[in-house]
Amino acid sequence: FYAVQPLSFLLMMTLFEWFIALHDIEVAHVWSG
């Protein structure tokens, strides 16, 4: 998953407020149960 993190880095930079909006929800933990 980290192999694409240069692209993830740019995506997060561009849409940072949206990633922050998801931060407290912990989407990954909801997805994993």
PDB file of all heavy atoms in Angstrom:
ATOM      1  N   PHE A   1       0.828  -1.208   0.000  1.00  0.00           N
ATOM      2  CA  PHE A   1       0.000   0.000   0.000  1.00  0.00           C
ATOM      3  C   PHE A   1       0.862   1.258   0.000  1.00  0.00           C
ATOM      4  O   PHE A   1       0.506   2.275  -0.606  1.00  0.00           O
ATOM      5  CB  PHE A   1      -0.918  -0.011   1.226  1.00  0.00           C
ATOM      6  CG  PHE A   1      -1.741   1.240   1.407  1.00  0.00           C
ATOM      7  CD1 PHE A   1      -2.864   1.467   0.633  1.00  0.00           C
ATOM      8  CD2 PHE A   1      -1.373   2.194   2.344  1.00  0.00           C
ATOM      9  CE1 PHE A   1      -3.625   2.616   0.791  1.00  0.00           C
ATOM     10  CE2 PHE A   1      -2.123   3.350   2.509  1.00  0.00           C
ATOM     11  CZ  PHE A   1      -3.246   3.561   1.731  1.00  0.00           C
ATOM     12  N   TYR A   2       2.015   1.189   0.684  1.00  0.00           N
ATOM     13  CA  TYR A   2       2.873   2.361   0.790  1.00  0.00           C
ATOM     14  C   TYR A   2       3.641   2.639  -0.495  1.00  0.00           C
ATOM     15  O   TYR A   2       4.248   3.716  -0.622  1.00  0.00           O
ATOM     16  CB  TYR A   2       3.848   2.201   1.950  1.00  0.00           C
ATOM     17  CG  TYR A   2       3.181   2.191   3.299  1.00  0.00           C
ATOM     18  CD1 TYR A   2       3.359   1.129   4.190  1.00  0.00           C
ATOM     19  CD2 TYR A   2       2.372   3.248   3.700  1.00  0.00           C
ATOM     20  CE1 TYR A   2       2.747   1.127   5.432  1.00  0.00           C
ATOM     21  CE2 TYR A   2       1.749   3.253   4.939  1.00  0.00           C
ATOM     22  CZ  TYR A   2       1.936   2.182   5.802  1.00  0.00           C
ATOM     23  OH  TYR A   2       1.318   2.186   7.030  1.00  0.00           O
ATOM     24  N   ALA A   3       3.633   1.720  -1.452  1.00  0.00           N
ATOM     25  CA  ALA A   3       4.352   1.948  -2.701  1.00  0.00           C
ATOM     26  C   ALA A   3       3.788   3.143  -3.468  1.00  0.00           C
ATOM     27  O   ALA A   3       4.492   3.779  -4.248  1.00  0.00           O
ATOM     28  CB  ALA A   3       4.314   0.689  -3.570  1.00  0.00           C
ATOM     29  N   VAL A   4       2.508   3.420  -3.264  1.00  0.00           N
ATOM     30  CA  VAL A   4       1.873   4.538  -3.978  1.00  0.00           C
ATOM     31  C   VAL A   4       1.781   5.785  -3.108  1.00  0.00           C
ATOM     32  O   VAL A   4       1.071   6.729  -3.450  1.00  0.00           O
ATOM     33  CB  VAL A   4       0.463   4.144  -4.488  1.00  0.00           C
ATOM     34  CG1 VAL A   4       0.546   2.997  -5.461  1.00  0.00           C
ATOM     35  CG2 VAL A   4      -0.461   3.789  -3.309  1.00  0.00           C
ATOM     36  N   GLN A   5       2.506   5.826  -1.995  1.00  0.00           N
ATOM     37  CA  GLN A   5       2.323   6.947  -1.086  1.00  0.00           C
ATOM     38  C   GLN A   5       2.806   8.289  -1.643  1.00  0.00           C
ATOM     39  O   GLN A   5       2.320   9.332  -1.187  1.00  0.00           O
ATOM     40  CB  GLN A   5       2.917   6.662   0.274  1.00  0.00           C
ATOM     41  CG  GLN A   5       4.381   6.774   0.452  1.00  0.00           C
ATOM     42  CD  GLN A   5       4.725   6.637   1.955  1.00  0.00           C
ATOM     43  OE1 GLN A   5       3.968   6.126   2.777  1.00  0.00           O
ATOM     44  NE2 GLN A   5       5.897   7.112   2.317  1.00  0.00           N
ATOM     45  N   PRO A   6       3.705   8.342  -2.629  1.00  0.00           N
ATOM     46  CA  PRO A   6       3.945   9.650  -3.245  1.00  0.00           C
ATOM     47  C   PRO A   6       2.678  10.232  -3.871  1.00  0.00           C
ATOM     48  O   PRO A   6       2.435  11.440  -3.782  1.00  0.00           O
ATOM     49  CB  PRO A   6       5.012   9.346  -4.308  1.00  0.00           C
ATOM     50  CG  PRO A   6       5.760   8.187  -3.744  1.00  0.00           C
ATOM     51  CD  PRO A   6       4.693   7.344  -3.084  1.00  0.00           C
ATOM     52  N   LEU A   7       1.850   9.379  -4.470  1.00  0.00           N
ATOM     53  CA  LEU A   7       0.574   9.846  -5.019  1.00  0.00           C
ATOM     54  C   LEU A   7      -0.415  10.148  -3.902  1.00  0.00           C
ATOM     55  O   LEU A   7      -1.166  11.131  -3.970  1.00  0.00           O
ATOM     56  CB  LEU A   7      -0.001   8.796  -5.972  1.00  0.00           C
ATOM     57  CG  LEU A   7       0.810   8.507  -7.243  1.00  0.00           C
ATOM     58  CD1 LEU A   7       0.140   7.412  -8.060  1.00  0.00           C
ATOM     59  CD2 LEU A   7       0.973   9.773  -8.069  1.00  0.00           C
ATOM     60  N   SER A   8      -0.423   9.310  -2.864  1.00  0.00           N
ATOM     61  CA  SER A   8      -1.299   9.565  -1.711  1.00  0.00           C
ATOM     62  C   SER A   8      -0.948  10.883  -1.053  1.00  0.00           C
ATOM     63  O   SER A   8      -1.822  11.625  -0.595  1.00  0.00           O
ATOM     64  CB  SER A   8      -1.168   8.428  -0.689  1.00  0.00           C
ATOM     65  OG  SER A   8      -1.482   7.178  -1.262  1.00  0.00           O
ATOM     66  N   PHE A   9       0.341  11.177  -1.005  1.00  0.00           N
ATOM     67  CA  PHE A   9       0.843  12.422  -0.429  1.00  0.00           C
ATOM     68  C   PHE A   9       0.269  13.625  -1.177  1.00  0.00           C
ATOM     69  O   PHE A   9      -0.238  14.573  -0.560  1.00  0.00           O
ATOM     70  CB  PHE A   9       2.365  12.405  -0.512  1.00  0.00           C
ATOM     71  CG  PHE A   9       3.073  13.566   0.141  1.00  0.00           C
ATOM     72  CD1 PHE A   9       3.268  13.603   1.508  1.00  0.00           C
ATOM     73  CD2 PHE A   9       3.573  14.611  -0.634  1.00  0.00           C
ATOM     74  CE1 PHE A   9       3.936  14.663   2.105  1.00  0.00           C
ATOM     75  CE2 PHE A   9       4.246  15.670  -0.049  1.00  0.00           C
ATOM     76  CZ  PHE A   9       4.428  15.695   1.326  1.00  0.00           C
ATOM     77  N   LEU A  10       0.314  13.584  -2.507  1.00  0.00           N
ATOM     78  CA  LEU A  10      -0.210  14.678  -3.323  1.00  0.00           C
ATOM     79  C   LEU A  10      -1.726  14.776  -3.207  1.00  0.00           C
ATOM     80  O   LEU A  10      -2.289  15.881  -3.163  1.00  0.00           O
ATOM     81  CB  LEU A  10       0.197  14.474  -4.786  1.00  0.00           C
ATOM     82  CG  LEU A  10       1.693  14.600  -5.086  1.00  0.00           C
ATOM     83  CD1 LEU A  10       1.966  14.243  -6.541  1.00  0.00           C
ATOM     84  CD2 LEU A  10       2.195  16.000  -4.779  1.00  0.00           C
ATOM     85  N   LEU A  11      -2.404  13.627  -3.166  1.00  0.00           N
ATOM     86  CA  LEU A  11      -3.855  13.631  -3.033  1.00  0.00           C
ATOM     87  C   LEU A  11      -4.270  14.225  -1.697  1.00  0.00           C
ATOM     88  O   LEU A  11      -5.195  15.055  -1.627  1.00  0.00           O
ATOM     89  CB  LEU A  11      -4.386  12.199  -3.170  1.00  0.00           C
ATOM     90  CG  LEU A  11      -5.910  12.034  -3.057  1.00  0.00           C
ATOM     91  CD1 LEU A  11      -6.610  12.739  -4.214  1.00  0.00           C
ATOM     92  CD2 LEU A  11      -6.282  10.546  -3.038  1.00  0.00           C
ATOM     93  N   MET A  12      -3.605  13.827  -0.620  1.00  0.00           N
ATOM     94  CA  MET A  12      -3.933  14.357   0.697  1.00  0.00           C
ATOM     95  C   MET A  12      -3.655  15.851   0.756  1.00  0.00           C
ATOM     96  O   MET A  12      -4.426  16.613   1.360  1.00  0.00           O
ATOM     97  CB  MET A  12      -3.136  13.625   1.782  1.00  0.00           C
ATOM     98  CG  MET A  12      -3.523  14.046   3.189  1.00  0.00           C
ATOM     99  SD  MET A  12      -2.545  13.228   4.478  1.00  0.00           S
ATOM    100  CE  MET A  12      -3.072  11.528   4.283  1.00  0.00           C
ATOM    101  N   MET A  13      -2.578  16.299   0.139  1.00  0.00           N
ATOM    102  CA  MET A  13      -2.247  17.716   0.116  1.00  0.00           C
ATOM    103  C   MET A  13      -3.358  18.521  -0.553  1.00  0.00           C
ATOM    104  O   MET A  13      -3.767  19.573  -0.050  1.00  0.00           O
ATOM    105  CB  MET A  13      -0.921  17.930  -0.622  1.00  0.00           C
ATOM    106  CG  MET A  13      -0.491  19.388  -0.710  1.00  0.00           C
ATOM    107  SD  MET A  13       0.936  19.624  -1.790  1.00  0.00           S
ATOM    108  CE  MET A  13       2.182  18.694  -0.913  1.00  0.00           C
ATOM    109  N   THR A  14      -3.869  18.030  -1.667  1.00  0.00           N
ATOM    110  CA  THR A  14      -4.887  18.752  -2.428  1.00  0.00           C
ATOM    111  C   THR A  14      -6.230  18.773  -1.708  1.00  0.00           C
ATOM    112  O   THR A  14      -6.931  19.786  -1.712  1.00  0.00           O
ATOM    113  CB  THR A  14      -5.052  18.111  -3.818  1.00  0.00           C
ATOM    114  OG1 THR A  14      -3.774  18.082  -4.475  1.00  0.00           O
ATOM    115  CG2 THR A  14      -6.036  18.900  -4.666  1.00  0.00           C
ATOM    116  N   LEU A  15      -6.594  17.662  -1.091  1.00  0.00           N
ATOM    117  CA  LEU A  15      -7.915  17.521  -0.466  1.00  0.00           C
ATOM    118  C   LEU A  15      -7.808  17.434   1.049  1.00  0.00           C
ATOM    119  O   LEU A  15      -8.600  16.763   1.710  1.00  0.00           O
ATOM    120  CB  LEU A  15      -8.609  16.258  -1.005  1.00  0.00           C
ATOM    121  CG  LEU A  15      -8.799  16.183  -2.521  1.00  0.00           C
ATOM    122  CD1 LEU A  15      -9.383  14.832  -2.917  1.00  0.00           C
ATOM    123  CD2 LEU A  15      -9.696  17.313  -3.016  1.00  0.00           C
ATOM    124  N   PHE A  16      -6.867  18.143   1.631  1.00  0.00           N
ATOM    125  CA  PHE A  16      -6.532  17.951   3.038  1.00  0.00           C
ATOM    126  C   PHE A  16      -7.733  18.131   3.961  1.00  0.00           C
ATOM    127  O   PHE A  16      -7.908  17.379   4.926  1.00  0.00           O
ATOM    128  CB  PHE A  16      -5.407  18.897   3.436  1.00  0.00           C
ATOM    129  CG  PHE A  16      -4.757  18.563   4.746  1.00  0.00           C
ATOM    130  CD1 PHE A  16      -4.353  17.267   5.030  1.00  0.00           C
ATOM    131  CD2 PHE A  16      -4.524  19.544   5.699  1.00  0.00           C
ATOM    132  CE1 PHE A  16      -3.743  16.943   6.232  1.00  0.00           C
ATOM    133  CE2 PHE A  16      -3.917  19.244   6.900  1.00  0.00           C
ATOM    134  CZ  PHE A  16      -3.523  17.939   7.173  1.00  0.00           C
ATOM    135  N   GLU A  17      -8.575  19.141   3.725  1.00  0.00           N
ATOM    136  CA  GLU A  17      -9.705  19.367   4.628  1.00  0.00           C
ATOM    137  C   GLU A  17     -10.655  18.175   4.638  1.00  0.00           C
ATOM    138  O   GLU A  17     -11.280  17.884   5.661  1.00  0.00           O
ATOM    139  CB  GLU A  17     -10.459  20.643   4.259  1.00  0.00           C
ATOM    140  CG  GLU A  17     -11.155  20.612   2.915  1.00  0.00           C
ATOM    141  CD  GLU A  17     -12.049  21.830   2.701  1.00  0.00           C
ATOM    142  OE1 GLU A  17     -12.721  22.263   3.655  1.00  0.00           O
ATOM    143  OE2 GLU A  17     -12.082  22.354   1.572  1.00  0.00           O
ATOM    144  N   TRP A  18     -10.768  17.470   3.523  1.00  0.00           N
ATOM    145  CA  TRP A  18     -11.658  16.306   3.464  1.00  0.00           C
ATOM    146  C   TRP A  18     -11.065  15.115   4.213  1.00  0.00           C
ATOM    147  O   TRP A  18     -11.791  14.352   4.859  1.00  0.00           O
ATOM    148  CB  TRP A  18     -11.954  15.942   2.012  1.00  0.00           C
ATOM    149  CG  TRP A  18     -12.735  17.010   1.314  1.00  0.00           C
ATOM    150  CD1 TRP A  18     -12.244  18.048   0.577  1.00  0.00           C
ATOM    151  CD2 TRP A  18     -14.162  17.178   1.337  1.00  0.00           C
ATOM    152  NE1 TRP A  18     -13.267  18.849   0.125  1.00  0.00           N
ATOM    153  CE2 TRP A  18     -14.451  18.341   0.576  1.00  0.00           C
ATOM    154  CE3 TRP A  18     -15.208  16.467   1.913  1.00  0.00           C
ATOM    155  CZ2 TRP A  18     -15.755  18.790   0.387  1.00  0.00           C
ATOM    156  CZ3 TRP A  18     -16.503  16.917   1.724  1.00  0.00           C
ATOM    157  CH2 TRP A  18     -16.770  18.060   0.976  1.00  0.00           C
ATOM    158  N   PHE A  19      -9.759  14.961   4.148  1.00  0.00           N
ATOM    159  CA  PHE A  19      -9.118  13.890   4.914  1.00  0.00           C
ATOM    160  C   PHE A  19      -9.207  14.172   6.413  1.00  0.00           C
ATOM    161  O   PHE A  19      -9.414  13.254   7.215  1.00  0.00           O
ATOM    162  CB  PHE A  19      -7.654  13.738   4.485  1.00  0.00           C
ATOM    163  CG  PHE A  19      -7.486  13.004   3.180  1.00  0.00           C
ATOM    164  CD1 PHE A  19      -7.364  13.693   1.991  1.00  0.00           C
ATOM    165  CD2 PHE A  19      -7.482  11.617   3.146  1.00  0.00           C
ATOM    166  CE1 PHE A  19      -7.228  13.025   0.786  1.00  0.00           C
ATOM    167  CE2 PHE A  19      -7.342  10.924   1.948  1.00  0.00           C
ATOM    168  CZ  PHE A  19      -7.214  11.637   0.760  1.00  0.00           C
ATOM    169  N   ILE A  20      -9.077  15.443   6.795  1.00  0.00           N
ATOM    170  CA  ILE A  20      -9.219  15.799   8.203  1.00  0.00           C
ATOM    171  C   ILE A  20     -10.645  15.516   8.672  1.00  0.00           C
ATOM    172  O   ILE A  20     -10.876  15.093   9.809  1.00  0.00           O
ATOM    173  CB  ILE A  20      -8.857  17.284   8.409  1.00  0.00           C
ATOM    174  CG1 ILE A  20      -7.366  17.514   8.140  1.00  0.00           C
ATOM    175  CG2 ILE A  20      -9.218  17.738   9.817  1.00  0.00           C
ATOM    176  CD1 ILE A  20      -6.449  16.727   9.050  1.00  0.00           C
ATOM    177  N   ALA A  21     -11.622  15.736   7.779  1.00  0.00           N
ATOM    178  CA  ALA A  21     -13.023  15.493   8.140  1.00  0.00           C
ATOM    179  C   ALA A  21     -13.283  14.018   8.432  1.00  0.00           C
ATOM    180  O   ALA A  21     -14.189  13.676   9.196  1.00  0.00           O
ATOM    181  CB  ALA A  21     -13.945  15.979   7.023  1.00  0.00           C
ATOM    182  N   LEU A  22     -12.500  13.135   7.825  1.00  0.00           N
ATOM    183  CA  LEU A  22     -12.666  11.698   8.042  1.00  0.00           C
ATOM    184  C   LEU A  22     -11.832  11.179   9.206  1.00  0.00           C
ATOM    185  O   LEU A  22     -11.990  10.027   9.622  1.00  0.00           O
ATOM    186  CB  LEU A  22     -12.272  10.929   6.767  1.00  0.00           C
ATOM    187  CG  LEU A  22     -13.129  11.170   5.516  1.00  0.00           C
ATOM    188  CD1 LEU A  22     -12.499  10.480   4.312  1.00  0.00           C
ATOM    189  CD2 LEU A  22     -14.549  10.684   5.739  1.00  0.00           C
ATOM    190  N   HIS A  23     -10.955  12.034   9.735  1.00  0.00           N
ATOM    191  CA  HIS A  23      -9.944  11.580  10.688  1.00  0.00           C
ATOM    192  C   HIS A  23     -10.554  11.002  11.957  1.00  0.00           C
ATOM    193  O   HIS A  23     -10.163   9.924  12.420  1.00  0.00           O
ATOM    194  CB  HIS A  23      -9.024  12.745  11.013  1.00  0.00           C
ATOM    195  CG  HIS A  23      -7.706  12.344  11.582  1.00  0.00           C
ATOM    196  ND1 HIS A  23      -7.003  11.229  11.165  1.00  0.00           N
ATOM    197  CD2 HIS A  23      -6.922  12.918  12.541  1.00  0.00           C
ATOM    198  CE1 HIS A  23      -5.878  11.134  11.821  1.00  0.00           C
ATOM    199  NE2 HIS A  23      -5.798  12.147  12.670  1.00  0.00           N
ATOM    200  N   ASP A  24     -11.494  11.704  12.558  1.00  0.00           N
ATOM    201  CA  ASP A  24     -12.056  11.256  13.832  1.00  0.00           C
ATOM    202  C   ASP A  24     -13.008  10.070  13.662  1.00  0.00           C
ATOM    203  O   ASP A  24     -13.283   9.356  14.620  1.00  0.00           O
ATOM    204  CB  ASP A  24     -12.792  12.413  14.526  1.00  0.00           C
ATOM    205  CG  ASP A  24     -12.915  12.205  16.026  1.00  0.00           C
ATOM    206  OD1 ASP A  24     -11.945  11.706  16.631  1.00  0.00           O
ATOM    207  OD2 ASP A  24     -13.964  12.541  16.593  1.00  0.00           O
ATOM    208  N   ILE A  25     -13.508   9.875  12.441  1.00  0.00           N
ATOM    209  CA  ILE A  25     -14.415   8.749  12.183  1.00  0.00           C
ATOM    210  C   ILE A  25     -13.656   7.432  12.169  1.00  0.00           C
ATOM    211  O   ILE A  25     -14.198   6.381  12.503  1.00  0.00           O
ATOM    212  CB  ILE A  25     -15.152   8.951  10.840  1.00  0.00           C
ATOM    213  CG1 ILE A  25     -16.007  10.230  10.914  1.00  0.00           C
ATOM    214  CG2 ILE A  25     -16.021   7.754  10.487  1.00  0.00           C
ATOM    215  CD1 ILE A  25     -16.629  10.626   9.601  1.00  0.00           C
ATOM    216  N   GLU A  26     -12.364   7.491  11.805  1.00  0.00           N
ATOM    217  CA  GLU A  26     -11.518   6.298  11.704  1.00  0.00           C
ATOM    218  C   GLU A  26     -12.129   5.276  10.740  1.00  0.00           C
ATOM    219  O   GLU A  26     -12.488   4.160  11.115  1.00  0.00           O
ATOM    220  CB  GLU A  26     -11.300   5.661  13.078  1.00  0.00           C
ATOM    221  CG  GLU A  26     -10.544   6.542  14.053  1.00  0.00           C
ATOM    222  CD  GLU A  26     -10.283   5.847  15.377  1.00  0.00           C
ATOM    223  OE1 GLU A  26     -11.175   5.879  16.243  1.00  0.00           O
ATOM    224  OE2 GLU A  26      -9.194   5.258  15.529  1.00  0.00           O
ATOM    225  N   VAL A  27     -12.216   5.691   9.496  1.00  0.00           N
ATOM    226  CA  VAL A  27     -12.852   4.870   8.469  1.00  0.00           C
ATOM    227  C   VAL A  27     -12.207   3.490   8.372  1.00  0.00           C
ATOM    228  O   VAL A  27     -12.903   2.479   8.221  1.00  0.00           O
ATOM    229  CB  VAL A  27     -12.793   5.584   7.105  1.00  0.00           C
ATOM    230  CG1 VAL A  27     -13.356   4.691   6.004  1.00  0.00           C
ATOM    231  CG2 VAL A  27     -13.572   6.903   7.162  1.00  0.00           C
ATOM    232  N   ALA A  28     -10.886   3.439   8.462  1.00  0.00           N
ATOM    233  CA  ALA A  28     -10.194   2.147   8.354  1.00  0.00           C
ATOM    234  C   ALA A  28     -10.626   1.193   9.462  1.00  0.00           C
ATOM    235  O   ALA A  28     -10.787  -0.016   9.227  1.00  0.00           O
ATOM    236  CB  ALA A  28      -8.687   2.361   8.391  1.00  0.00           C
ATOM    237  N   HIS A  29     -10.834   1.709  10.670  1.00  0.00           N
ATOM    238  CA  HIS A  29     -11.270   0.854  11.779  1.00  0.00           C
ATOM    239  C   HIS A  29     -12.720   0.411  11.600  1.00  0.00           C
ATOM    240  O   HIS A  29     -13.071  -0.719  11.976  1.00  0.00           O
ATOM    241  CB  HIS A  29     -11.101   1.588  13.108  1.00  0.00           C
ATOM    242  CG  HIS A  29      -9.681   1.680  13.560  1.00  0.00           C
ATOM    243  ND1 HIS A  29      -9.309   2.317  14.724  1.00  0.00           N
ATOM    244  CD2 HIS A  29      -8.536   1.211  13.016  1.00  0.00           C
ATOM    245  CE1 HIS A  29      -8.002   2.229  14.882  1.00  0.00           C
ATOM    246  NE2 HIS A  29      -7.511   1.571  13.840  1.00  0.00           N
ATOM    247  N   VAL A  30     -13.544   1.286  11.047  1.00  0.00           N
ATOM    248  CA  VAL A  30     -14.926   0.883  10.772  1.00  0.00           C
ATOM    249  C   VAL A  30     -14.936  -0.208   9.715  1.00  0.00           C
ATOM    250  O   VAL A  30     -15.661  -1.199   9.820  1.00  0.00           O
ATOM    251  CB  VAL A  30     -15.760   2.107  10.306  1.00  0.00           C
ATOM    252  CG1 VAL A  30     -17.167   1.673   9.909  1.00  0.00           C
ATOM    253  CG2 VAL A  30     -15.833   3.156  11.414  1.00  0.00           C
ATOM    254  N   TRP A  31     -14.119  -0.034   8.694  1.00  0.00           N
ATOM    255  CA  TRP A  31     -14.046  -1.002   7.595  1.00  0.00           C
ATOM    256  C   TRP A  31     -13.558  -2.361   8.086  1.00  0.00           C
ATOM    257  O   TRP A  31     -14.046  -3.411   7.661  1.00  0.00           O
ATOM    258  CB  TRP A  31     -13.122  -0.462   6.512  1.00  0.00           C
ATOM    259  CG  TRP A  31     -13.027  -1.320   5.284  1.00  0.00           C
ATOM    260  CD1 TRP A  31     -12.105  -2.290   5.016  1.00  0.00           C
ATOM    261  CD2 TRP A  31     -13.904  -1.295   4.158  1.00  0.00           C
ATOM    262  NE1 TRP A  31     -12.331  -2.868   3.797  1.00  0.00           N
ATOM    263  CE2 TRP A  31     -13.441  -2.273   3.241  1.00  0.00           C
ATOM    264  CE3 TRP A  31     -15.024  -0.537   3.823  1.00  0.00           C
ATOM    265  CZ2 TRP A  31     -14.068  -2.508   2.025  1.00  0.00           C
ATOM    266  CZ3 TRP A  31     -15.644  -0.779   2.604  1.00  0.00           C
ATOM    267  CH2 TRP A  31     -15.176  -1.750   1.726  1.00  0.00           C
ATOM    268  N   SER A  32     -12.589  -2.340   9.020  1.00  0.00           N
ATOM    269  CA  SER A  32     -12.010  -3.595   9.503  1.00  0.00           C
ATOM    270  C   SER A  32     -12.812  -4.215  10.649  1.00  0.00           C
ATOM    271  O   SER A  32     -12.524  -5.326  11.070  1.00  0.00           O
ATOM    272  CB  SER A  32     -10.572  -3.358   9.976  1.00  0.00           C
ATOM    273  OG  SER A  32     -10.548  -2.479  11.098  1.00  0.00           O
ATOM    274  N   GLY A  33     -13.802  -3.488  11.166  1.00  0.00           N
ATOM    275  CA  GLY A  33     -14.604  -4.005  12.264  1.00  0.00           C
ATOM    276  C   GLY A  33     -14.083  -3.654  13.635  1.00  0.00           C
ATOM    277  O   GLY A  33     -14.683  -4.037  14.656  1.00  0.00           O
TER     278      GLY A  33
END
